[in-house]
Amino acid sequence: MKLFLTSKAFGNSVIKNKILSQLKKDIGIMRILLIPTALSGAYPPDKYINELLISGFSKGNIIIFDEANSTDYCNLDIDVIYVCGGNTFTLVKLINECGFASEIVKYLSRDVVYIGRSAGTHLVTRNVEHVLPFDENQIGLDNFDALGLFDGIIFCHYDESREKYYYQAIKKEKYNVYKITNEEMIIYDNGKISIL
């Protein structure tokens, strides 16, 4: 299982280059499932699609997920799942409710690479309650457990304004706690963690 966990993904040129250097296949032929669920009801995912096209992905190989028809996206022939940013709580709730959480796990067991961007990064961690100071719980999520594929929690967009929350989380000793700036990426590769 390989996870690329970022704050900005293809929206930051430094991170984009780090991601592209790690992908083992020509991105012009890679098929990517784009999950914009964290934007549900907010705005369309055009920005994310344009970033993928600029990065070298082919338009015909970008599949846009719709949580209202989640069964249409099972057992696809894809290389990458890219889960976008937006509202973390919306993402966690809707992905669980539509039943696609287990499908993500199945894809990752078949060597599909997972790329998370902010909310998409939080989705695969143990818990998202630490995000409450930064994201509005507009959907009324009451169970803050995430997918738990990454053993810990991550503070995305890390800077001085998030420092006190980061140290509070460490003091609680409930989870392994990580932080990434907009120009850092955590790679989780079958149990091995590195920060680029």
C-alpha atoms as a PDB file:
ATOM      1  CA  MET A   1       0.000   0.000   0.000  1.00  0.00           C
ATOM      2  CA  LYS A   2       1.438   3.323  -1.061  1.00  0.00           C
ATOM      3  CA  LEU A   3       0.091   6.656   0.200  1.00  0.00           C
ATOM      4  CA  PHE A   4       1.319  10.113  -0.837  1.00  0.00           C
ATOM      5  CA  LEU A   5      -0.036  12.473   1.815  1.00  0.00           C
ATOM      6  CA  THR A   6       0.156  16.193   1.110  1.00  0.00           C
ATOM      7  CA  SER A   7      -1.387  19.563   1.929  1.00  0.00           C
ATOM      8  CA  LYS A   8      -1.528  20.876  -1.649  1.00  0.00           C
ATOM      9  CA  ALA A   9      -0.593  17.985  -4.003  1.00  0.00           C
ATOM     10  CA  PHE A  10      -0.667  19.204  -7.626  1.00  0.00           C
ATOM     11  CA  GLY A  11      -1.534  22.718  -6.446  1.00  0.00           C
ATOM     12  CA  ASN A  12       2.057  23.298  -5.312  1.00  0.00           C
ATOM     13  CA  SER A  13       4.879  23.020  -7.865  1.00  0.00           C
ATOM     14  CA  VAL A  14       7.375  21.648  -5.320  1.00  0.00           C
ATOM     15  CA  ILE A  15       5.009  18.869  -4.224  1.00  0.00           C
ATOM     16  CA  LYS A  16       3.850  18.209  -7.785  1.00  0.00           C
ATOM     17  CA  ASN A  17       7.446  17.483  -8.799  1.00  0.00           C
ATOM     18  CA  LYS A  18       7.956  15.244  -5.757  1.00  0.00           C
ATOM     19  CA  ILE A  19       4.832  13.248  -6.625  1.00  0.00           C
ATOM     20  CA  LEU A  20       5.722  12.927 -10.308  1.00  0.00           C
ATOM     21  CA  SER A  21       9.237  11.718  -9.438  1.00  0.00           C
ATOM     22  CA  GLN A  22       7.729   8.924  -7.305  1.00  0.00           C
ATOM     23  CA  LEU A  23       5.215   7.600  -9.833  1.00  0.00           C
ATOM     24  CA  LYS A  24       6.589   4.551 -11.613  1.00  0.00           C
ATOM     25  CA  LYS A  25       4.612   4.863 -14.837  1.00  0.00           C
ATOM     26  CA  ASP A  26       4.348   7.457 -17.596  1.00  0.00           C
ATOM     27  CA  ILE A  27       1.613   9.790 -16.303  1.00  0.00           C
ATOM     28  CA  GLY A  28       0.359  10.366 -19.844  1.00  0.00           C
ATOM     29  CA  ILE A  29      -1.083   6.830 -19.758  1.00  0.00           C
ATOM     30  CA  MET A  30      -1.960   6.600 -16.067  1.00  0.00           C
ATOM     31  CA  ARG A  31      -5.657   6.346 -15.213  1.00  0.00           C
ATOM     32  CA  ILE A  32      -6.653   8.428 -12.208  1.00  0.00           C
ATOM     33  CA  LEU A  33      -9.821   8.422 -10.123  1.00  0.00           C
ATOM     34  CA  LEU A  34     -10.393  11.968  -8.892  1.00  0.00           C
ATOM     35  CA  ILE A  35     -12.518  12.146  -5.734  1.00  0.00           C
ATOM     36  CA  PRO A  36     -13.789  15.713  -5.167  1.00  0.00           C
ATOM     37  CA  THR A  37     -16.266  14.687  -2.433  1.00  0.00           C
ATOM     38  CA  ALA A  38     -14.763  17.139   0.096  1.00  0.00           C
ATOM     39  CA  LEU A  39     -16.094  19.900  -2.185  1.00  0.00           C
ATOM     40  CA  SER A  40     -19.621  18.493  -2.201  1.00  0.00           C
ATOM     41  CA  GLY A  41     -22.049  21.391  -2.470  1.00  0.00           C
ATOM     42  CA  ALA A  42     -19.190  23.913  -2.506  1.00  0.00           C
ATOM     43  CA  TYR A  43     -17.832  24.311  -6.034  1.00  0.00           C
ATOM     44  CA  PRO A  44     -16.963  22.074  -9.000  1.00  0.00           C
ATOM     45  CA  PRO A  45     -13.564  20.325  -9.200  1.00  0.00           C
ATOM     46  CA  ASP A  46     -12.397  22.213 -12.326  1.00  0.00           C
ATOM     47  CA  LYS A  47      -9.330  23.609 -10.539  1.00  0.00           C
ATOM     48  CA  TYR A  48      -8.149  20.098  -9.654  1.00  0.00           C
ATOM     49  CA  ILE A  49      -8.761  18.793 -13.162  1.00  0.00           C
ATOM     50  CA  ASN A  50      -6.752  21.669 -14.679  1.00  0.00           C
ATOM     51  CA  GLU A  51      -3.861  20.991 -12.282  1.00  0.00           C
ATOM     52  CA  LEU A  52      -3.817  17.338 -13.374  1.00  0.00           C
ATOM     53  CA  LEU A  53      -3.842  18.306 -17.059  1.00  0.00           C
ATOM     54  CA  ILE A  54      -0.992  20.795 -16.522  1.00  0.00           C
ATOM     55  CA  SER A  55       0.931  18.059 -14.667  1.00  0.00           C
ATOM     56  CA  GLY A  56       0.700  15.779 -17.715  1.00  0.00           C
ATOM     57  CA  PHE A  57      -2.284  13.530 -17.089  1.00  0.00           C
ATOM     58  CA  SER A  58      -4.493  12.875 -20.097  1.00  0.00           C
ATOM     59  CA  LYS A  59      -8.060  14.221 -19.944  1.00  0.00           C
ATOM     60  CA  GLY A  60      -9.445  10.897 -21.153  1.00  0.00           C
ATOM     61  CA  ASN A  61      -7.752   9.121 -18.254  1.00  0.00           C
ATOM     62  CA  ILE A  62      -9.274  11.284 -15.488  1.00  0.00           C
ATOM     63  CA  ILE A  63     -12.394   9.708 -13.985  1.00  0.00           C
ATOM     64  CA  ILE A  64     -14.420  12.015 -11.724  1.00  0.00           C
ATOM     65  CA  PHE A  65     -16.036  10.246  -8.787  1.00  0.00           C
ATOM     66  CA  ASP A  66     -19.620  11.003  -7.776  1.00  0.00           C
ATOM     67  CA  GLU A  67     -20.603   9.781  -4.299  1.00  0.00           C
ATOM     68  CA  ALA A  68     -24.278   9.661  -5.372  1.00  0.00           C
ATOM     69  CA  ASN A  69     -23.393   6.828  -7.779  1.00  0.00           C
ATOM     70  CA  SER A  70     -20.454   5.269  -5.932  1.00  0.00           C
ATOM     71  CA  THR A  71     -21.016   1.720  -7.218  1.00  0.00           C
ATOM     72  CA  ASP A  72     -20.142   2.946 -10.725  1.00  0.00           C
ATOM     73  CA  TYR A  73     -16.538   3.393  -9.545  1.00  0.00           C
ATOM     74  CA  CYS A  74     -15.850  -0.104  -8.208  1.00  0.00           C
ATOM     75  CA  ASN A  75     -13.307  -2.412  -9.886  1.00  0.00           C
ATOM     76  CA  LEU A  76     -12.033   0.178 -12.357  1.00  0.00           C
ATOM     77  CA  ASP A  77      -8.709  -0.246 -14.109  1.00  0.00           C
ATOM     78  CA  ILE A  78      -6.909   2.678 -12.446  1.00  0.00           C
ATOM     79  CA  ASP A  79      -3.384   3.508 -11.299  1.00  0.00           C
ATOM     80  CA  VAL A  80      -4.072   6.373  -8.886  1.00  0.00           C
ATOM     81  CA  ILE A  81      -6.792   7.540  -6.508  1.00  0.00           C
ATOM     82  CA  TYR A  82      -6.513  11.289  -5.932  1.00  0.00           C
ATOM     83  CA  VAL A  83      -8.662  12.576  -3.084  1.00  0.00           C
ATOM     84  CA  CYS A  84      -8.985  16.355  -3.142  1.00  0.00           C
ATOM     85  CA  GLY A  85      -9.129  18.990  -0.458  1.00  0.00           C
ATOM     86  CA  GLY A  86     -12.178  20.821   0.811  1.00  0.00           C
ATOM     87  CA  ASN A  87     -14.119  20.114   3.966  1.00  0.00           C
ATOM     88  CA  THR A  88     -12.626  17.176   5.880  1.00  0.00           C
ATOM     89  CA  PHE A  89     -15.832  16.319   7.751  1.00  0.00           C
ATOM     90  CA  THR A  90     -17.941  16.315   4.588  1.00  0.00           C
ATOM     91  CA  LEU A  91     -15.452  13.967   2.966  1.00  0.00           C
ATOM     92  CA  VAL A  92     -15.284  11.485   5.858  1.00  0.00           C
ATOM     93  CA  LYS A  93     -19.054  11.361   6.278  1.00  0.00           C
ATOM     94  CA  LEU A  94     -19.979  11.028   2.595  1.00  0.00           C
ATOM     95  CA  ILE A  95     -17.287   8.475   1.721  1.00  0.00           C
ATOM     96  CA  ASN A  96     -18.421   6.286   4.619  1.00  0.00           C
ATOM     97  CA  GLU A  97     -22.125   6.746   3.898  1.00  0.00           C
ATOM     98  CA  CYS A  98     -21.815   5.892   0.208  1.00  0.00           C
ATOM     99  CA  GLY A  99     -19.832   2.749   1.078  1.00  0.00           C
ATOM    100  CA  PHE A 100     -16.741   3.701  -0.897  1.00  0.00           C
ATOM    101  CA  ALA A 101     -14.324   3.506   2.055  1.00  0.00           C
ATOM    102  CA  SER A 102     -14.031  -0.263   1.630  1.00  0.00           C
ATOM    103  CA  GLU A 103     -13.511   0.182  -2.120  1.00  0.00           C
ATOM    104  CA  ILE A 104     -10.566   2.499  -1.474  1.00  0.00           C
ATOM    105  CA  VAL A 105      -9.027  -0.214   0.714  1.00  0.00           C
ATOM    106  CA  LYS A 106      -9.548  -2.779  -2.079  1.00  0.00           C
ATOM    107  CA  TYR A 107      -7.886  -0.524  -4.650  1.00  0.00           C
ATOM    108  CA  LEU A 108      -4.876   0.050  -2.400  1.00  0.00           C
ATOM    109  CA  SER A 109      -4.501  -3.704  -1.873  1.00  0.00           C
ATOM    110  CA  ARG A 110      -4.112  -3.937  -5.673  1.00  0.00           C
ATOM    111  CA  ASP A 111      -1.193  -1.453  -5.729  1.00  0.00           C
ATOM    112  CA  VAL A 112      -3.232   1.582  -6.771  1.00  0.00           C
ATOM    113  CA  VAL A 113      -1.388   4.663  -5.440  1.00  0.00           C
ATOM    114  CA  TYR A 114      -3.333   6.963  -3.104  1.00  0.00           C
ATOM    115  CA  ILE A 115      -2.658  10.707  -3.297  1.00  0.00           C
ATOM    116  CA  GLY A 116      -4.276  12.810  -0.586  1.00  0.00           C
ATOM    117  CA  ARG A 117      -4.605  16.565  -0.581  1.00  0.00           C
ATOM    118  CA  SER A 118      -5.494  18.165   2.778  1.00  0.00           C
ATOM    119  CA  ALA A 119      -8.949  16.653   3.478  1.00  0.00           C
ATOM    120  CA  GLY A 120      -7.904  13.730   1.285  1.00  0.00           C
ATOM    121  CA  THR A 121      -4.856  13.251   3.484  1.00  0.00           C
ATOM    122  CA  HIS A 122      -6.972  13.348   6.644  1.00  0.00           C
ATOM    123  CA  LEU A 123      -9.328  10.700   5.220  1.00  0.00           C
ATOM    124  CA  VAL A 124      -6.767   7.876   5.493  1.00  0.00           C
ATOM    125  CA  THR A 125      -5.540   8.765   8.994  1.00  0.00           C
ATOM    126  CA  ARG A 126      -6.885   7.421  12.300  1.00  0.00           C
ATOM    127  CA  ASN A 127      -9.083  10.364  13.306  1.00  0.00           C
ATOM    128  CA  VAL A 128     -10.042  13.878  12.160  1.00  0.00           C
ATOM    129  CA  GLU A 129     -11.194  15.530  15.386  1.00  0.00           C
ATOM    130  CA  HIS A 130      -7.984  17.626  15.516  1.00  0.00           C
ATOM    131  CA  VAL A 131      -9.151  19.393  12.327  1.00  0.00           C
ATOM    132  CA  LEU A 132     -12.095  21.087  14.121  1.00  0.00           C
ATOM    133  CA  PRO A 133     -10.172  24.362  14.747  1.00  0.00           C
ATOM    134  CA  PHE A 134      -9.487  24.699  10.986  1.00  0.00           C
ATOM    135  CA  ASP A 135     -12.563  23.239   9.243  1.00  0.00           C
ATOM    136  CA  GLU A 136     -16.237  23.832   9.965  1.00  0.00           C
ATOM    137  CA  ASN A 137     -18.133  20.651  10.831  1.00  0.00           C
ATOM    138  CA  GLN A 138     -20.935  21.782   8.533  1.00  0.00           C
ATOM    139  CA  ILE A 139     -22.255  18.278   7.909  1.00  0.00           C
ATOM    140  CA  GLY A 140     -22.619  17.386  11.603  1.00  0.00           C
ATOM    141  CA  LEU A 141     -20.101  14.533  11.704  1.00  0.00           C
ATOM    142  CA  ASP A 142     -20.197  12.956  15.158  1.00  0.00           C
ATOM    143  CA  ASN A 143     -17.837   9.995  14.697  1.00  0.00           C
ATOM    144  CA  PHE A 144     -14.408  11.421  13.927  1.00  0.00           C
ATOM    145  CA  ASP A 145     -12.730   8.103  13.108  1.00  0.00           C
ATOM    146  CA  ALA A 146     -11.213   8.130   9.641  1.00  0.00           C
ATOM    147  CA  LEU A 147     -10.155   5.125   7.515  1.00  0.00           C
ATOM    148  CA  GLY A 148      -7.134   4.297   9.688  1.00  0.00           C
ATOM    149  CA  LEU A 149      -4.867   3.259   6.820  1.00  0.00           C
ATOM    150  CA  PHE A 150      -2.155   5.569   8.163  1.00  0.00           C
ATOM    151  CA  ASP A 151      -1.330   5.028  11.836  1.00  0.00           C
ATOM    152  CA  GLY A 152      -1.584   8.534  13.174  1.00  0.00           C
ATOM    153  CA  ILE A 153      -3.008  11.972  12.541  1.00  0.00           C
ATOM    154  CA  ILE A 154      -1.545  14.707  10.348  1.00  0.00           C
ATOM    155  CA  PHE A 155      -1.605  18.476  10.606  1.00  0.00           C
ATOM    156  CA  CYS A 156      -1.723  19.706   6.994  1.00  0.00           C
ATOM    157  CA  HIS A 157      -0.781  23.274   5.972  1.00  0.00           C
ATOM    158  CA  TYR A 158       1.469  23.385   9.026  1.00  0.00           C
ATOM    159  CA  ASP A 159       2.726  26.812  10.105  1.00  0.00           C
ATOM    160  CA  GLU A 160       3.010  28.811  13.339  1.00  0.00           C
ATOM    161  CA  SER A 161      -0.766  29.246  13.599  1.00  0.00           C
ATOM    162  CA  ARG A 162      -1.168  25.462  13.994  1.00  0.00           C
ATOM    163  CA  GLU A 163       1.767  24.947  16.327  1.00  0.00           C
ATOM    164  CA  LYS A 164      -0.185  25.005  19.625  1.00  0.00           C
ATOM    165  CA  TYR A 165      -2.738  22.479  18.297  1.00  0.00           C
ATOM    166  CA  TYR A 166       0.067  20.198  17.128  1.00  0.00           C
ATOM    167  CA  TYR A 167       1.720  20.187  20.564  1.00  0.00           C
ATOM    168  CA  GLN A 168      -1.645  19.698  22.297  1.00  0.00           C
ATOM    169  CA  ALA A 169      -2.218  16.603  20.160  1.00  0.00           C
ATOM    170  CA  ILE A 170       1.224  15.245  21.042  1.00  0.00           C
ATOM    171  CA  LYS A 171       0.540  15.798  24.772  1.00  0.00           C
ATOM    172  CA  LYS A 172      -2.688  13.787  24.578  1.00  0.00           C
ATOM    173  CA  GLU A 173      -0.610  10.745  23.507  1.00  0.00           C
ATOM    174  CA  LYS A 174      -3.658   9.290  21.780  1.00  0.00           C
ATOM    175  CA  TYR A 175      -2.202   9.031  18.261  1.00  0.00           C
ATOM    176  CA  ASN A 176       1.112   9.316  16.468  1.00  0.00           C
ATOM    177  CA  VAL A 177       1.160  12.962  15.366  1.00  0.00           C
ATOM    178  CA  TYR A 178       2.723  14.290  12.154  1.00  0.00           C
ATOM    179  CA  LYS A 179       2.875  17.678  10.466  1.00  0.00           C
ATOM    180  CA  ILE A 180       3.439  18.758   6.882  1.00  0.00           C
ATOM    181  CA  THR A 181       3.810  22.209   5.393  1.00  0.00           C
ATOM    182  CA  ASN A 182       2.467  22.993   1.922  1.00  0.00           C
ATOM    183  CA  GLU A 183       5.829  21.931   0.490  1.00  0.00           C
ATOM    184  CA  GLU A 184       6.236  18.636   2.337  1.00  0.00           C
ATOM    185  CA  MET A 185       4.851  15.191   1.621  1.00  0.00           C
ATOM    186  CA  ILE A 186       4.593  12.049   3.719  1.00  0.00           C
ATOM    187  CA  ILE A 187       5.120   8.826   1.806  1.00  0.00           C
ATOM    188  CA  TYR A 188       3.738   5.720   3.445  1.00  0.00           C
ATOM    189  CA  ASP A 189       5.047   2.677   1.603  1.00  0.00           C
ATOM    190  CA  ASN A 190       3.907  -0.633   3.113  1.00  0.00           C
ATOM    191  CA  GLY A 191       4.624   0.449   6.677  1.00  0.00           C
ATOM    192  CA  LYS A 192       7.663   2.605   5.974  1.00  0.00           C
ATOM    193  CA  ILE A 193       7.158   6.349   6.535  1.00  0.00           C
ATOM    194  CA  SER A 194       9.324   9.048   4.992  1.00  0.00           C
ATOM    195  CA  ILE A 195       8.872  12.811   4.727  1.00  0.00           C
ATOM    196  CA  LEU A 196      10.063  14.538   1.561  1.00  0.00           C
END
